[in-house]
Amino acid sequence: GRTTSLPYDALMKPCRTHRNVATIEAVAKAMGKGRSGESGRERLEVFNSLLAVYARKGDLARAEETFSRCGELGVTPDLRSYQALLSATARVGLPGRVRELINRMERVGLTPSVHSL
């Protein structure tokens, strides 16, 4: 029979909700650079899920490390990526870095919203 795979977004949502970073990290590691046939959208979903969980936990160091590896992971950060990093940065109380991120977002054509923080 044919095996049906669970869409990544369906897998990632409960992991984000329950802050199950170990599962998300395992999926990201297994994905590598997409050698298993994942689409860019699927890799971005896993990337953003990692960022969201790190942001909710206030783990800025891991959020920044993950964000800096976006090219290695084969993704281009989107609005959700930046929002998660902004959230993590704001959560630890670094307003100067928040401003730097907002400027960076604007340079790449993204507009932060109230929901970004």
PDB file of N, CA and C in Angstrom:
ATOM      1  N   GLY A   1       0.801  -1.184   0.000  1.00  0.00           N
ATOM      2  CA  GLY A   1       0.000   0.000   0.000  1.00  0.00           C
ATOM      3  C   GLY A   1       0.843   1.246   0.000  1.00  0.00           C
ATOM      4  N   ARG A   2       0.185   2.326  -0.270  1.00  0.00           N
ATOM      5  CA  ARG A   2       0.837   3.625  -0.314  1.00  0.00           C
ATOM      6  C   ARG A   2       0.856   4.256   1.069  1.00  0.00           C
ATOM      7  N   THR A   3       1.995   4.808   1.443  1.00  0.00           N
ATOM      8  CA  THR A   3       2.131   5.471   2.729  1.00  0.00           C
ATOM      9  C   THR A   3       1.798   6.942   2.558  1.00  0.00           C
ATOM     10  N   THR A   4       0.952   7.442   3.412  1.00  0.00           N
ATOM     11  CA  THR A   4       0.606   8.858   3.391  1.00  0.00           C
ATOM     12  C   THR A   4       1.350   9.536   4.526  1.00  0.00           C
ATOM     13  N   SER A   5       2.077  10.593   4.190  1.00  0.00           N
ATOM     14  CA  SER A   5       2.815  11.296   5.230  1.00  0.00           C
ATOM     15  C   SER A   5       1.952  12.412   5.802  1.00  0.00           C
ATOM     16  N   LEU A   6       2.144  12.666   7.069  1.00  0.00           N
ATOM     17  CA  LEU A   6       1.442  13.731   7.761  1.00  0.00           C
ATOM     18  C   LEU A   6       2.069  15.061   7.357  1.00  0.00           C
ATOM     19  N   PRO A   7       1.269  16.040   6.952  1.00  0.00           N
ATOM     20  CA  PRO A   7       1.858  17.339   6.594  1.00  0.00           C
ATOM     21  C   PRO A   7       2.631  17.929   7.777  1.00  0.00           C
ATOM     22  N   TYR A   8       3.738  18.581   7.449  1.00  0.00           N
ATOM     23  CA  TYR A   8       4.585  19.140   8.506  1.00  0.00           C
ATOM     24  C   TYR A   8       3.843  20.133   9.381  1.00  0.00           C
ATOM     25  N   ASP A   9       2.968  20.950   8.778  1.00  0.00           N
ATOM     26  CA  ASP A   9       2.257  21.927   9.596  1.00  0.00           C
ATOM     27  C   ASP A   9       1.346  21.246  10.608  1.00  0.00           C
ATOM     28  N   ALA A  10       0.772  20.101  10.248  1.00  0.00           N
ATOM     29  CA  ALA A  10      -0.073  19.354  11.189  1.00  0.00           C
ATOM     30  C   ALA A  10       0.760  18.762  12.319  1.00  0.00           C
ATOM     31  N   LEU A  11       1.986  18.376  12.028  1.00  0.00           N
ATOM     32  CA  LEU A  11       2.883  17.831  13.045  1.00  0.00           C
ATOM     33  C   LEU A  11       3.441  18.937  13.940  1.00  0.00           C
ATOM     34  N   MET A  12       3.769  20.070  13.349  1.00  0.00           N
ATOM     35  CA  MET A  12       4.435  21.131  14.097  1.00  0.00           C
ATOM     36  C   MET A  12       3.500  21.875  15.047  1.00  0.00           C
ATOM     37  N   LYS A  13       2.235  22.032  14.675  1.00  0.00           N
ATOM     38  CA  LYS A  13       1.326  22.820  15.520  1.00  0.00           C
ATOM     39  C   LYS A  13       1.237  22.287  16.946  1.00  0.00           C
ATOM     40  N   PRO A  14       0.984  20.986  17.166  1.00  0.00           N
ATOM     41  CA  PRO A  14       0.949  20.515  18.560  1.00  0.00           C
ATOM     42  C   PRO A  14       2.308  20.603  19.247  1.00  0.00           C
ATOM     43  N   CYS A  15       3.374  20.469  18.481  1.00  0.00           N
ATOM     44  CA  CYS A  15       4.714  20.603  19.076  1.00  0.00           C
ATOM     45  C   CYS A  15       4.938  22.022  19.561  1.00  0.00           C
ATOM     46  N   ARG A  16       4.502  23.012  18.769  1.00  0.00           N
ATOM     47  CA  ARG A  16       4.623  24.412  19.193  1.00  0.00           C
ATOM     48  C   ARG A  16       3.751  24.676  20.412  1.00  0.00           C
ATOM     49  N   THR A  17       2.514  24.195  20.357  1.00  0.00           N
ATOM     50  CA  THR A  17       1.565  24.426  21.448  1.00  0.00           C
ATOM     51  C   THR A  17       2.088  23.890  22.769  1.00  0.00           C
ATOM     52  N   HIS A  18       2.693  22.715  22.719  1.00  0.00           N
ATOM     53  CA  HIS A  18       3.185  22.067  23.938  1.00  0.00           C
ATOM     54  C   HIS A  18       4.672  22.306  24.176  1.00  0.00           C
ATOM     55  N   ARG A  19       5.236  23.204  23.366  1.00  0.00           N
ATOM     56  CA  ARG A  19       6.659  23.568  23.492  1.00  0.00           C
ATOM     57  C   ARG A  19       7.582  22.345  23.463  1.00  0.00           C
ATOM     58  N   ASN A  20       7.258  21.434  22.575  1.00  0.00           N
ATOM     59  CA  ASN A  20       8.026  20.203  22.461  1.00  0.00           C
ATOM     60  C   ASN A  20       9.206  20.431  21.516  1.00  0.00           C
ATOM     61  N   VAL A  21      10.197  21.113  22.023  1.00  0.00           N
ATOM     62  CA  VAL A  21      11.334  21.485  21.201  1.00  0.00           C
ATOM     63  C   VAL A  21      12.132  20.262  20.744  1.00  0.00           C
ATOM     64  N   ALA A  22      12.198  19.220  21.545  1.00  0.00           N
ATOM     65  CA  ALA A  22      12.985  18.035  21.170  1.00  0.00           C
ATOM     66  C   ALA A  22      12.453  17.402  19.887  1.00  0.00           C
ATOM     67  N   THR A  23      11.141  17.318  19.754  1.00  0.00           N
ATOM     68  CA  THR A  23      10.559  16.735  18.543  1.00  0.00           C
ATOM     69  C   THR A  23      10.824  17.619  17.337  1.00  0.00           C
ATOM     70  N   ILE A  24      10.644  18.913  17.505  1.00  0.00           N
ATOM     71  CA  ILE A  24      10.875  19.826  16.382  1.00  0.00           C
ATOM     72  C   ILE A  24      12.338  19.785  15.959  1.00  0.00           C
ATOM     73  N   GLU A  25      13.256  19.767  16.936  1.00  0.00           N
ATOM     74  CA  GLU A  25      14.683  19.690  16.607  1.00  0.00           C
ATOM     75  C   GLU A  25      15.009  18.390  15.887  1.00  0.00           C
ATOM     76  N   ALA A  26      14.385  17.293  16.300  1.00  0.00           N
ATOM     77  CA  ALA A  26      14.627  16.003  15.642  1.00  0.00           C
ATOM     78  C   ALA A  26      14.137  16.025  14.194  1.00  0.00           C
ATOM     79  N   VAL A  27      12.982  16.633  13.967  1.00  0.00           N
ATOM     80  CA  VAL A  27      12.459  16.737  12.602  1.00  0.00           C
ATOM     81  C   VAL A  27      13.388  17.616  11.763  1.00  0.00           C
ATOM     82  N   ALA A  28      13.833  18.746  12.336  1.00  0.00           N
ATOM     83  CA  ALA A  28      14.728  19.646  11.609  1.00  0.00           C
ATOM     84  C   ALA A  28      16.029  18.937  11.244  1.00  0.00           C
ATOM     85  N   LYS A  29      16.556  18.173  12.181  1.00  0.00           N
ATOM     86  CA  LYS A  29      17.806  17.448  11.928  1.00  0.00           C
ATOM     87  C   LYS A  29      17.611  16.405  10.828  1.00  0.00           C
ATOM     88  N   ALA A  30      16.486  15.702  10.877  1.00  0.00           N
ATOM     89  CA  ALA A  30      16.208  14.670   9.874  1.00  0.00           C
ATOM     90  C   ALA A  30      16.009  15.279   8.485  1.00  0.00           C
ATOM     91  N   MET A  31      15.506  16.484   8.459  1.00  0.00           N
ATOM     92  CA  MET A  31      15.271  17.146   7.177  1.00  0.00           C
ATOM     93  C   MET A  31      16.562  17.506   6.468  1.00  0.00           C
ATOM     94  N   GLY A  32      17.562  17.859   7.253  1.00  0.00           N
ATOM     95  CA  GLY A  32      18.808  18.302   6.637  1.00  0.00           C
ATOM     96  C   GLY A  32      18.549  19.478   5.727  1.00  0.00           C
ATOM     97  N   LYS A  33      19.007  19.381   4.525  1.00  0.00           N
ATOM     98  CA  LYS A  33      18.814  20.458   3.549  1.00  0.00           C
ATOM     99  C   LYS A  33      17.755  20.073   2.529  1.00  0.00           C
ATOM    100  N   GLY A  34      16.824  19.257   2.922  1.00  0.00           N
ATOM    101  CA  GLY A  34      15.752  18.897   2.008  1.00  0.00           C
ATOM    102  C   GLY A  34      16.067  17.682   1.160  1.00  0.00           C
ATOM    103  N   ARG A  35      17.076  16.940   1.524  1.00  0.00           N
ATOM    104  CA  ARG A  35      17.453  15.768   0.741  1.00  0.00           C
ATOM    105  C   ARG A  35      16.372  14.701   0.742  1.00  0.00           C
ATOM    106  N   SER A  36      15.434  14.796   1.688  1.00  0.00           N
ATOM    107  CA  SER A  36      14.363  13.811   1.761  1.00  0.00           C
ATOM    108  C   SER A  36      13.154  14.229   0.949  1.00  0.00           C
ATOM    109  N   GLY A  37      13.260  15.304   0.207  1.00  0.00           N
ATOM    110  CA  GLY A  37      12.181  15.727  -0.673  1.00  0.00           C
ATOM    111  C   GLY A  37      11.213  16.731  -0.074  1.00  0.00           C
ATOM    112  N   GLU A  38      11.559  17.335   1.070  1.00  0.00           N
ATOM    113  CA  GLU A  38      10.680  18.331   1.658  1.00  0.00           C
ATOM    114  C   GLU A  38      10.677  19.581   0.793  1.00  0.00           C
ATOM    115  N   SER A  39       9.544  20.237   0.775  1.00  0.00           N
ATOM    116  CA  SER A  39       9.448  21.489   0.039  1.00  0.00           C
ATOM    117  C   SER A  39      10.042  22.614   0.891  1.00  0.00           C
ATOM    118  N   GLY A  40      10.289  23.733   0.253  1.00  0.00           N
ATOM    119  CA  GLY A  40      10.769  24.896   0.985  1.00  0.00           C
ATOM    120  C   GLY A  40       9.764  25.325   2.042  1.00  0.00           C
ATOM    121  N   ARG A  41       8.472  25.211   1.731  1.00  0.00           N
ATOM    122  CA  ARG A  41       7.429  25.580   2.678  1.00  0.00           C
ATOM    123  C   ARG A  41       7.478  24.678   3.900  1.00  0.00           C
ATOM    124  N   GLU A  42       7.728  23.397   3.696  1.00  0.00           N
ATOM    125  CA  GLU A  42       7.812  22.461   4.830  1.00  0.00           C
ATOM    126  C   GLU A  42       9.031  22.764   5.700  1.00  0.00           C
ATOM    127  N   ARG A  43      10.161  23.048   5.079  1.00  0.00           N
ATOM    128  CA  ARG A  43      11.356  23.400   5.851  1.00  0.00           C
ATOM    129  C   ARG A  43      11.127  24.699   6.622  1.00  0.00           C
ATOM    130  N   LEU A  44      10.455  25.664   5.985  1.00  0.00           N
ATOM    131  CA  LEU A  44      10.157  26.927   6.659  1.00  0.00           C
ATOM    132  C   LEU A  44       9.225  26.695   7.845  1.00  0.00           C
ATOM    133  N   GLU A  45       8.260  25.805   7.713  1.00  0.00           N
ATOM    134  CA  GLU A  45       7.340  25.496   8.818  1.00  0.00           C
ATOM    135  C   GLU A  45       8.104  24.951  10.024  1.00  0.00           C
ATOM    136  N   VAL A  46       9.049  24.060   9.792  1.00  0.00           N
ATOM    137  CA  VAL A  46       9.847  23.504  10.886  1.00  0.00           C
ATOM    138  C   VAL A  46      10.746  24.587  11.476  1.00  0.00           C
ATOM    139  N   PHE A  47      11.393  25.369  10.631  1.00  0.00           N
ATOM    140  CA  PHE A  47      12.247  26.478  11.058  1.00  0.00           C
ATOM    141  C   PHE A  47      11.463  27.449  11.938  1.00  0.00           C
ATOM    142  N   ASN A  48      10.283  27.864  11.479  1.00  0.00           N
ATOM    143  CA  ASN A  48       9.463  28.803  12.243  1.00  0.00           C
ATOM    144  C   ASN A  48       8.951  28.185  13.535  1.00  0.00           C
ATOM    145  N   SER A  49       8.684  26.892  13.523  1.00  0.00           N
ATOM    146  CA  SER A  49       8.235  26.215  14.743  1.00  0.00           C
ATOM    147  C   SER A  49       9.334  26.228  15.798  1.00  0.00           C
ATOM    148  N   LEU A  50      10.559  25.969  15.378  1.00  0.00           N
ATOM    149  CA  LEU A  50      11.683  26.050  16.316  1.00  0.00           C
ATOM    150  C   LEU A  50      11.807  27.453  16.896  1.00  0.00           C
ATOM    151  N   LEU A  51      11.761  28.445  16.032  1.00  0.00           N
ATOM    152  CA  LEU A  51      11.870  29.826  16.495  1.00  0.00           C
ATOM    153  C   LEU A  51      10.746  30.174  17.469  1.00  0.00           C
ATOM    154  N   ALA A  52       9.524  29.750  17.168  1.00  0.00           N
ATOM    155  CA  ALA A  52       8.374  30.058  18.023  1.00  0.00           C
ATOM    156  C   ALA A  52       8.526  29.441  19.409  1.00  0.00           C
ATOM    157  N   VAL A  53       8.990  28.203  19.456  1.00  0.00           N
ATOM    158  CA  VAL A  53       9.153  27.538  20.763  1.00  0.00           C
ATOM    159  C   VAL A  53      10.269  28.206  21.558  1.00  0.00           C
ATOM    160  N   TYR A  54      11.384  28.508  20.906  1.00  0.00           N
ATOM    161  CA  TYR A  54      12.466  29.195  21.613  1.00  0.00           C
ATOM    162  C   TYR A  54      11.991  30.551  22.117  1.00  0.00           C
ATOM    163  N   ALA A  55      11.205  31.265  21.312  1.00  0.00           N
ATOM    164  CA  ALA A  55      10.688  32.567  21.731  1.00  0.00           C
ATOM    165  C   ALA A  55       9.792  32.432  22.952  1.00  0.00           C
ATOM    166  N   ARG A  56       8.893  31.456  22.933  1.00  0.00           N
ATOM    167  CA  ARG A  56       7.985  31.267  24.075  1.00  0.00           C
ATOM    168  C   ARG A  56       8.735  30.895  25.348  1.00  0.00           C
ATOM    169  N   LYS A  57       9.844  30.206  25.178  1.00  0.00           N
ATOM    170  CA  LYS A  57      10.644  29.817  26.344  1.00  0.00           C
ATOM    171  C   LYS A  57      11.600  30.930  26.769  1.00  0.00           C
ATOM    172  N   GLY A  58      11.682  31.986  25.975  1.00  0.00           N
ATOM    173  CA  GLY A  58      12.605  33.068  26.287  1.00  0.00           C
ATOM    174  C   GLY A  58      14.054  32.696  26.038  1.00  0.00           C
ATOM    175  N   ASP A  59      14.282  31.724  25.150  1.00  0.00           N
ATOM    176  CA  ASP A  59      15.632  31.253  24.853  1.00  0.00           C
ATOM    177  C   ASP A  59      16.167  32.000  23.627  1.00  0.00           C
ATOM    178  N   LEU A  60      16.591  33.235  23.856  1.00  0.00           N
ATOM    179  CA  LEU A  60      17.057  34.086  22.773  1.00  0.00           C
ATOM    180  C   LEU A  60      18.290  33.508  22.084  1.00  0.00           C
ATOM    181  N   ALA A  61      19.195  32.940  22.845  1.00  0.00           N
ATOM    182  CA  ALA A  61      20.434  32.402  22.256  1.00  0.00           C
ATOM    183  C   ALA A  61      20.119  31.330  21.213  1.00  0.00           C
ATOM    184  N   ARG A  62      19.231  30.411  21.545  1.00  0.00           N
ATOM    185  CA  ARG A  62      18.895  29.351  20.586  1.00  0.00           C
ATOM    186  C   ARG A  62      18.072  29.886  19.426  1.00  0.00           C
ATOM    187  N   ALA A  63      17.216  30.874  19.695  1.00  0.00           N
ATOM    188  CA  ALA A  63      16.441  31.484  18.610  1.00  0.00           C
ATOM    189  C   ALA A  63      17.382  32.167  17.615  1.00  0.00           C
ATOM    190  N   GLU A  64      18.343  32.926  18.134  1.00  0.00           N
ATOM    191  CA  GLU A  64      19.292  33.617  17.258  1.00  0.00           C
ATOM    192  C   GLU A  64      20.167  32.617  16.496  1.00  0.00           C
ATOM    193  N   GLU A  65      20.585  31.556  17.168  1.00  0.00           N
ATOM    194  CA  GLU A  65      21.403  30.534  16.501  1.00  0.00           C
ATOM    195  C   GLU A  65      20.627  29.883  15.358  1.00  0.00           C
ATOM    196  N   THR A  66      19.383  29.536  15.619  1.00  0.00           N
ATOM    197  CA  THR A  66      18.544  28.920  14.592  1.00  0.00           C
ATOM    198  C   THR A  66      18.325  29.886  13.435  1.00  0.00           C
ATOM    199  N   PHE A  67      18.019  31.137  13.757  1.00  0.00           N
ATOM    200  CA  PHE A  67      17.784  32.148  12.731  1.00  0.00           C
ATOM    201  C   PHE A  67      19.031  32.318  11.855  1.00  0.00           C
ATOM    202  N   SER A  68      20.193  32.311  12.464  1.00  0.00           N
ATOM    203  CA  SER A  68      21.431  32.501  11.702  1.00  0.00           C
ATOM    204  C   SER A  68      21.735  31.319  10.785  1.00  0.00           C
ATOM    205  N   ARG A  69      21.107  30.175  11.047  1.00  0.00           N
ATOM    206  CA  ARG A  69      21.332  28.974  10.234  1.00  0.00           C
ATOM    207  C   ARG A  69      20.299  28.814   9.121  1.00  0.00           C
ATOM    208  N   CYS A  70      19.486  29.828   8.871  1.00  0.00           N
ATOM    209  CA  CYS A  70      18.398  29.683   7.903  1.00  0.00           C
ATOM    210  C   CYS A  70      18.897  29.246   6.525  1.00  0.00           C
ATOM    211  N   GLY A  71      19.975  29.832   6.054  1.00  0.00           N
ATOM    212  CA  GLY A  71      20.501  29.445   4.747  1.00  0.00           C
ATOM    213  C   GLY A  71      20.939  27.995   4.710  1.00  0.00           C
ATOM    214  N   GLU A  72      21.580  27.558   5.774  1.00  0.00           N
ATOM    215  CA  GLU A  72      22.018  26.167   5.898  1.00  0.00           C
ATOM    216  C   GLU A  72      20.819  25.214   5.873  1.00  0.00           C
ATOM    217  N   LEU A  73      19.705  25.677   6.430  1.00  0.00           N
ATOM    218  CA  LEU A  73      18.493  24.860   6.471  1.00  0.00           C
ATOM    219  C   LEU A  73      17.679  24.973   5.185  1.00  0.00           C
ATOM    220  N   GLY A  74      18.151  25.823   4.280  1.00  0.00           N
ATOM    221  CA  GLY A  74      17.478  25.951   2.993  1.00  0.00           C
ATOM    222  C   GLY A  74      16.204  26.772   3.026  1.00  0.00           C
ATOM    223  N   VAL A  75      16.137  27.752   3.927  1.00  0.00           N
ATOM    224  CA  VAL A  75      14.938  28.589   4.021  1.00  0.00           C
ATOM    225  C   VAL A  75      15.299  30.070   4.024  1.00  0.00           C
ATOM    226  N   THR A  76      14.367  30.873   3.596  1.00  0.00           N
ATOM    227  CA  THR A  76      14.475  32.317   3.701  1.00  0.00           C
ATOM    228  C   THR A  76      13.485  32.755   4.772  1.00  0.00           C
ATOM    229  N   PRO A  77      13.953  33.428   5.815  1.00  0.00           N
ATOM    230  CA  PRO A  77      13.045  33.847   6.881  1.00  0.00           C
ATOM    231  C   PRO A  77      11.896  34.692   6.336  1.00  0.00           C
ATOM    232  N   ASP A  78      10.705  34.455   6.866  1.00  0.00           N
ATOM    233  CA  ASP A  78       9.532  35.225   6.488  1.00  0.00           C
ATOM    234  C   ASP A  78       9.067  36.060   7.676  1.00  0.00           C
ATOM    235  N   LEU A  79       7.891  36.653   7.564  1.00  0.00           N
ATOM    236  CA  LEU A  79       7.381  37.501   8.635  1.00  0.00           C
ATOM    237  C   LEU A  79       7.271  36.740   9.948  1.00  0.00           C
ATOM    238  N   ARG A  80       6.779  35.498   9.903  1.00  0.00           N
ATOM    239  CA  ARG A  80       6.668  34.693  11.125  1.00  0.00           C
ATOM    240  C   ARG A  80       8.027  34.444  11.752  1.00  0.00           C
ATOM    241  N   SER A  81       9.046  34.245  10.945  1.00  0.00           N
ATOM    242  CA  SER A  81      10.403  34.018  11.456  1.00  0.00           C
ATOM    243  C   SER A  81      10.869  35.230  12.251  1.00  0.00           C
ATOM    244  N   TYR A  82      10.736  36.386  11.639  1.00  0.00           N
ATOM    245  CA  TYR A  82      11.152  37.614  12.307  1.00  0.00           C
ATOM    246  C   TYR A  82      10.303  37.901  13.545  1.00  0.00           C
ATOM    247  N   GLN A  83       9.012  37.627  13.467  1.00  0.00           N
ATOM    248  CA  GLN A  83       8.139  37.864  14.625  1.00  0.00           C
ATOM    249  C   GLN A  83       8.577  37.022  15.812  1.00  0.00           C
ATOM    250  N   ALA A  84       8.941  35.769  15.562  1.00  0.00           N
ATOM    251  CA  ALA A  84       9.397  34.904  16.649  1.00  0.00           C
ATOM    252  C   ALA A  84      10.688  35.438  17.258  1.00  0.00           C
ATOM    253  N   LEU A  85      11.611  35.861  16.409  1.00  0.00           N
ATOM    254  CA  LEU A  85      12.874  36.394  16.914  1.00  0.00           C
ATOM    255  C   LEU A  85      12.644  37.711  17.665  1.00  0.00           C
ATOM    256  N   LEU A  86      11.761  38.548  17.168  1.00  0.00           N
ATOM    257  CA  LEU A  86      11.405  39.775  17.874  1.00  0.00           C
ATOM    258  C   LEU A  86      10.812  39.472  19.239  1.00  0.00           C
ATOM    259  N   SER A  87       9.936  38.489  19.272  1.00  0.00           N
ATOM    260  CA  SER A  87       9.291  38.104  20.527  1.00  0.00           C
ATOM    261  C   SER A  87      10.319  37.637  21.550  1.00  0.00           C
ATOM    262  N   ALA A  88      11.242  36.794  21.108  1.00  0.00           N
ATOM    263  CA  ALA A  88      12.282  36.292  22.016  1.00  0.00           C
ATOM    264  C   ALA A  88      13.148  37.444  22.524  1.00  0.00           C
ATOM    265  N   THR A  89      13.474  38.365  21.648  1.00  0.00           N
ATOM    266  CA  THR A  89      14.319  39.502  22.002  1.00  0.00           C
ATOM    267  C   THR A  89      13.602  40.430  22.982  1.00  0.00           C
ATOM    268  N   ALA A  90      12.336  40.696  22.714  1.00  0.00           N
ATOM    269  CA  ALA A  90      11.550  41.555  23.604  1.00  0.00           C
ATOM    270  C   ALA A  90      11.341  40.882  24.959  1.00  0.00           C
ATOM    271  N   ARG A  91      11.150  39.565  24.940  1.00  0.00           N
ATOM    272  CA  ARG A  91      10.894  38.826  26.179  1.00  0.00           C
ATOM    273  C   ARG A  91      12.058  38.940  27.160  1.00  0.00           C
ATOM    274  N   VAL A  92      13.277  39.008  26.639  1.00  0.00           N
ATOM    275  CA  VAL A  92      14.431  39.124  27.539  1.00  0.00           C
ATOM    276  C   VAL A  92      14.817  40.579  27.788  1.00  0.00           C
ATOM    277  N   GLY A  93      14.034  41.521  27.234  1.00  0.00           N
ATOM    278  CA  GLY A  93      14.213  42.930  27.556  1.00  0.00           C
ATOM    279  C   GLY A  93      15.380  43.616  26.897  1.00  0.00           C
ATOM    280  N   LEU A  94      15.501  43.464  25.578  1.00  0.00           N
ATOM    281  CA  LEU A  94      16.589  44.118  24.845  1.00  0.00           C
ATOM    282  C   LEU A  94      16.020  45.047  23.775  1.00  0.00           C
ATOM    283  N   PRO A  95      15.537  46.226  24.185  1.00  0.00           N
ATOM    284  CA  PRO A  95      14.878  47.120  23.228  1.00  0.00           C
ATOM    285  C   PRO A  95      15.776  47.581  22.075  1.00  0.00           C
ATOM    286  N   GLY A  96      17.060  47.733  22.316  1.00  0.00           N
ATOM    287  CA  GLY A  96      17.968  48.124  21.236  1.00  0.00           C
ATOM    288  C   GLY A  96      18.045  47.066  20.155  1.00  0.00           C
ATOM    289  N   ARG A  97      18.078  45.817  20.576  1.00  0.00           N
ATOM    290  CA  ARG A  97      18.126  44.721  19.593  1.00  0.00           C
ATOM    291  C   ARG A  97      16.793  44.562  18.882  1.00  0.00           C
ATOM    292  N   VAL A  98      15.703  44.868  19.589  1.00  0.00           N
ATOM    293  CA  VAL A  98      14.392  44.834  18.940  1.00  0.00           C
ATOM    294  C   VAL A  98      14.385  45.853  17.804  1.00  0.00           C
ATOM    295  N   ARG A  99      14.876  47.052  18.061  1.00  0.00           N
ATOM    296  CA  ARG A  99      14.931  48.101  17.033  1.00  0.00           C
ATOM    297  C   ARG A  99      15.802  47.643  15.864  1.00  0.00           C
ATOM    298  N   GLU A 100      16.945  47.013  16.137  1.00  0.00           N
ATOM    299  CA  GLU A 100      17.820  46.510  15.074  1.00  0.00           C
ATOM    300  C   GLU A 100      17.088  45.487  14.199  1.00  0.00           C
ATOM    301  N   LEU A 101      16.339  44.604  14.830  1.00  0.00           N
ATOM    302  CA  LEU A 101      15.579  43.599  14.080  1.00  0.00           C
ATOM    303  C   LEU A 101      14.495  44.235  13.220  1.00  0.00           C
ATOM    304  N   ILE A 102      13.812  45.220  13.769  1.00  0.00           N
ATOM    305  CA  ILE A 102      12.783  45.916  12.995  1.00  0.00           C
ATOM    306  C   ILE A 102      13.413  46.583  11.776  1.00  0.00           C
ATOM    307  N   ASN A 103      14.569  47.206  11.968  1.00  0.00           N
ATOM    308  CA  ASN A 103      15.278  47.820  10.840  1.00  0.00           C
ATOM    309  C   ASN A 103      15.666  46.760   9.810  1.00  0.00           C
ATOM    310  N   ARG A 104      16.135  45.621  10.274  1.00  0.00           N
ATOM    311  CA  ARG A 104      16.514  44.526   9.370  1.00  0.00           C
ATOM    312  C   ARG A 104      15.307  44.034   8.588  1.00  0.00           C
ATOM    313  N   MET A 105      14.174  43.903   9.277  1.00  0.00           N
ATOM    314  CA  MET A 105      12.947  43.475   8.602  1.00  0.00           C
ATOM    315  C   MET A 105      12.585  44.448   7.488  1.00  0.00           C
ATOM    316  N   GLU A 106      12.638  45.721   7.807  1.00  0.00           N
ATOM    317  CA  GLU A 106      12.282  46.738   6.824  1.00  0.00           C
ATOM    318  C   GLU A 106      13.229  46.706   5.632  1.00  0.00           C
ATOM    319  N   ARG A 107      14.511  46.423   5.866  1.00  0.00           N
ATOM    320  CA  ARG A 107      15.483  46.338   4.765  1.00  0.00           C
ATOM    321  C   ARG A 107      15.167  45.188   3.814  1.00  0.00           C
ATOM    322  N   VAL A 108      14.570  44.111   4.336  1.00  0.00           N
ATOM    323  CA  VAL A 108      14.234  42.975   3.463  1.00  0.00           C
ATOM    324  C   VAL A 108      12.786  43.038   2.976  1.00  0.00           C
ATOM    325  N   GLY A 109      12.114  44.170   3.250  1.00  0.00           N
ATOM    326  CA  GLY A 109      10.774  44.375   2.727  1.00  0.00           C
ATOM    327  C   GLY A 109       9.639  43.840   3.575  1.00  0.00           C
ATOM    328  N   LEU A 110       9.907  43.555   4.846  1.00  0.00           N
ATOM    329  CA  LEU A 110       8.857  43.069   5.749  1.00  0.00           C
ATOM    330  C   LEU A 110       8.460  44.178   6.702  1.00  0.00           C
ATOM    331  N   THR A 111       7.180  44.254   7.010  1.00  0.00           N
ATOM    332  CA  THR A 111       6.670  45.281   7.905  1.00  0.00           C
ATOM    333  C   THR A 111       6.215  44.636   9.197  1.00  0.00           C
ATOM    334  N   PRO A 112       6.860  44.985  10.308  1.00  0.00           N
ATOM    335  CA  PRO A 112       6.433  44.442  11.591  1.00  0.00           C
ATOM    336  C   PRO A 112       5.047  44.968  11.959  1.00  0.00           C
ATOM    337  N   SER A 113       4.313  44.155  12.692  1.00  0.00           N
ATOM    338  CA  SER A 113       2.985  44.552  13.157  1.00  0.00           C
ATOM    339  C   SER A 113       2.972  44.528  14.679  1.00  0.00           C
ATOM    340  N   VAL A 114       1.863  44.934  15.238  1.00  0.00           N
ATOM    341  CA  VAL A 114       1.691  44.885  16.677  1.00  0.00           C
ATOM    342  C   VAL A 114       1.882  43.449  17.168  1.00  0.00           C
ATOM    343  N   HIS A 115       1.493  42.487  16.346  1.00  0.00           N
ATOM    344  CA  HIS A 115       1.613  41.073  16.705  1.00  0.00           C
ATOM    345  C   HIS A 115       3.062  40.580  16.695  1.00  0.00           C
ATOM    346  N   SER A 116       3.955  41.386  16.129  1.00  0.00           N
ATOM    347  CA  SER A 116       5.360  40.992  16.074  1.00  0.00           C
ATOM    348  C   SER A 116       5.991  40.951  17.466  1.00  0.00           C
ATOM    349  N   LEU A 117       5.442  41.712  18.388  1.00  0.00           N
ATOM    350  CA  LEU A 117       5.980  41.742  19.737  1.00  0.00           C
ATOM    351  C   LEU A 117       4.997  41.076  20.637  1.00  0.00           C
TER     352      LEU A 117
END
